[in-house]
C-alpha atoms as a PDB file:
ATOM      1  CA  MET A   1      22.026  61.757 -95.974  1.00  0.00           C
ATOM      2  CA  THR A   2      20.273  64.183 -98.298  1.00  0.00           C
ATOM      3  CA  VAL A   3      20.905  64.195-102.023  1.00  0.00           C
ATOM      4  CA  ARG A   4      22.236  67.750-101.660  1.00  0.00           C
ATOM      5  CA  GLN A   5      24.830  66.574 -99.139  1.00  0.00           C
ATOM      6  CA  GLU A   6      25.705  63.562-101.281  1.00  0.00           C
ATOM      7  CA  ILE A   7      26.360  65.851-104.269  1.00  0.00           C
ATOM      8  CA  GLU A   8      28.551  68.158-102.198  1.00  0.00           C
ATOM      9  CA  ASP A   9      30.512  65.295-100.615  1.00  0.00           C
ATOM     10  CA  LYS A  10      31.238  63.662-103.984  1.00  0.00           C
ATOM     11  CA  LEU A  11      32.334  66.936-105.556  1.00  0.00           C
ATOM     12  CA  ARG A  12      34.591  67.804-102.614  1.00  0.00           C
ATOM     13  CA  ALA A  13      36.178  64.347-102.880  1.00  0.00           C
ATOM     14  CA  ALA A  14      36.727  64.622-106.635  1.00  0.00           C
ATOM     15  CA  PHE A  15      37.896  68.231-107.003  1.00  0.00           C
ATOM     16  CA  GLN A  16      40.093  70.759-105.250  1.00  0.00           C
ATOM     17  CA  THR A  17      37.285  73.129-104.383  1.00  0.00           C
ATOM     18  CA  ARG A  18      38.019  76.820-103.984  1.00  0.00           C
ATOM     19  CA  ASP A  19      34.300  77.451-103.529  1.00  0.00           C
ATOM     20  CA  ILE A  20      31.223  75.244-103.683  1.00  0.00           C
ATOM     21  CA  GLN A  21      27.510  75.797-103.196  1.00  0.00           C
ATOM     22  CA  VAL A  22      24.871  73.149-103.730  1.00  0.00           C
ATOM     23  CA  VAL A  23      21.300  74.412-103.546  1.00  0.00           C
ATOM     24  CA  ASP A  24      18.249  72.138-103.501  1.00  0.00           C
ATOM     25  CA  ASP A  25      15.766  74.012-105.691  1.00  0.00           C
ATOM     26  CA  SER A  26      13.182  71.204-105.740  1.00  0.00           C
ATOM     27  CA  ALA A  27      10.494  73.232-103.964  1.00  0.00           C
ATOM     28  CA  SER A  28      10.433  75.681-106.879  1.00  0.00           C
ATOM     29  CA  HIS A  29       9.545  72.816-109.212  1.00  0.00           C
ATOM     30  CA  ALA A  30       6.928  71.010-107.116  1.00  0.00           C
ATOM     31  CA  GLY A  31       4.095  69.782-109.293  1.00  0.00           C
ATOM     32  CA  HIS A  32       6.061  70.024-112.554  1.00  0.00           C
ATOM     33  CA  ALA A  33       6.245  67.000-114.838  1.00  0.00           C
ATOM     34  CA  GLY A  34       9.066  64.709-113.745  1.00  0.00           C
ATOM     35  CA  ALA A  35       9.411  66.268-110.312  1.00  0.00           C
ATOM     36  CA  PRO A  36       8.911  63.617-107.632  1.00  0.00           C
ATOM     37  CA  ALA A  37       6.593  64.469-104.752  1.00  0.00           C
ATOM     38  CA  ALA A  38       9.370  63.722-102.262  1.00  0.00           C
ATOM     39  CA  GLY A  39      11.567  66.478-103.720  1.00  0.00           C
ATOM     40  CA  GLN A  40      15.378  66.250-103.793  1.00  0.00           C
ATOM     41  CA  SER A  41      15.319  66.336-107.580  1.00  0.00           C
ATOM     42  CA  HIS A  42      16.399  69.818-108.769  1.00  0.00           C
ATOM     43  CA  PHE A  43      19.792  71.233-107.851  1.00  0.00           C
ATOM     44  CA  ASN A  44      21.950  74.252-108.624  1.00  0.00           C
ATOM     45  CA  VAL A  45      25.679  73.744-108.211  1.00  0.00           C
ATOM     46  CA  MET A  46      28.329  76.464-108.204  1.00  0.00           C
ATOM     47  CA  LEU A  47      31.829  75.019-108.124  1.00  0.00           C
ATOM     48  CA  ARG A  48      35.190  76.748-108.458  1.00  0.00           C
ATOM     49  CA  SER A  49      38.191  74.490-108.960  1.00  0.00           C
ATOM     50  CA  PRO A  50      41.631  74.934-110.512  1.00  0.00           C
ATOM     51  CA  GLU A  51      41.078  71.573-112.210  1.00  0.00           C
ATOM     52  CA  PHE A  52      38.718  73.285-114.648  1.00  0.00           C
ATOM     53  CA  ALA A  53      41.539  75.422-116.082  1.00  0.00           C
ATOM     54  CA  GLY A  54      41.912  74.850-119.808  1.00  0.00           C
ATOM     55  CA  LYS A  55      38.692  72.810-120.035  1.00  0.00           C
ATOM     56  CA  ASN A  56      35.711  73.970-122.035  1.00  0.00           C
ATOM     57  CA  ARG A  57      32.165  73.966-120.650  1.00  0.00           C
ATOM     58  CA  ILE A  58      31.363  70.481-121.963  1.00  0.00           C
ATOM     59  CA  ALA A  59      34.527  68.964-120.479  1.00  0.00           C
ATOM     60  CA  ARG A  60      33.758  70.585-117.125  1.00  0.00           C
ATOM     61  CA  HIS A  61      30.188  69.246-117.139  1.00  0.00           C
ATOM     62  CA  ARG A  62      31.397  65.770-118.075  1.00  0.00           C
ATOM     63  CA  ALA A  63      33.909  65.831-115.212  1.00  0.00           C
ATOM     64  CA  VAL A  64      31.172  66.714-112.715  1.00  0.00           C
ATOM     65  CA  HIS A  65      28.826  64.038-114.066  1.00  0.00           C
ATOM     66  CA  ALA A  66      31.632  61.461-113.835  1.00  0.00           C
ATOM     67  CA  ALA A  67      32.382  62.508-110.244  1.00  0.00           C
ATOM     68  CA  LEU A  68      28.735  62.163-109.243  1.00  0.00           C
ATOM     69  CA  GLY A  69      28.383  58.790-110.972  1.00  0.00           C
ATOM     70  CA  PRO A  70      25.480  57.238-112.868  1.00  0.00           C
ATOM     71  CA  ASP A  71      23.540  56.184-109.754  1.00  0.00           C
ATOM     72  CA  LEU A  72      23.349  59.682-108.306  1.00  0.00           C
ATOM     73  CA  ILE A  73      22.844  61.345-111.713  1.00  0.00           C
ATOM     74  CA  GLY A  74      19.951  58.927-112.300  1.00  0.00           C
ATOM     75  CA  ARG A  75      18.188  60.207-109.169  1.00  0.00           C
ATOM     76  CA  ILE A  76      18.447  63.869-110.167  1.00  0.00           C
ATOM     77  CA  HIS A  77      15.843  65.350-112.498  1.00  0.00           C
ATOM     78  CA  ALA A  78      17.626  68.669-113.125  1.00  0.00           C
ATOM     79  CA  LEU A  79      21.170  69.782-112.404  1.00  0.00           C
ATOM     80  CA  ALA A  80      22.215  73.351-113.196  1.00  0.00           C
ATOM     81  CA  LEU A  81      25.989  73.757-113.196  1.00  0.00           C
ATOM     82  CA  ASP A  82      28.024  76.956-112.809  1.00  0.00           C
ATOM     83  CA  LEU A  83      31.630  75.778-113.118  1.00  0.00           C
ATOM     84  CA  ASP A  84      34.765  77.908-113.273  1.00  0.00           C
ATOM     85  CA  VAL A  85      38.375  78.074-112.168  1.00  0.00           C
END
């Protein structure tokens, strides 16, 4: 399973998703410091969930990080999050 799929699966399991897009943007960062040669390190996530209602940006980011867990977060070099209701 790819890291992109693992991210999407964990987020779908943790949140009621109205819309979700997980994009592996690793190729755009090839050769940059911290970017592994194998890729699967830079991701853009757009997630819409009613569970974000009333939560500020930091609380939303923390919820996503908790859903992904420390093991998966530790394998990701960069994670851009676009989170809304």
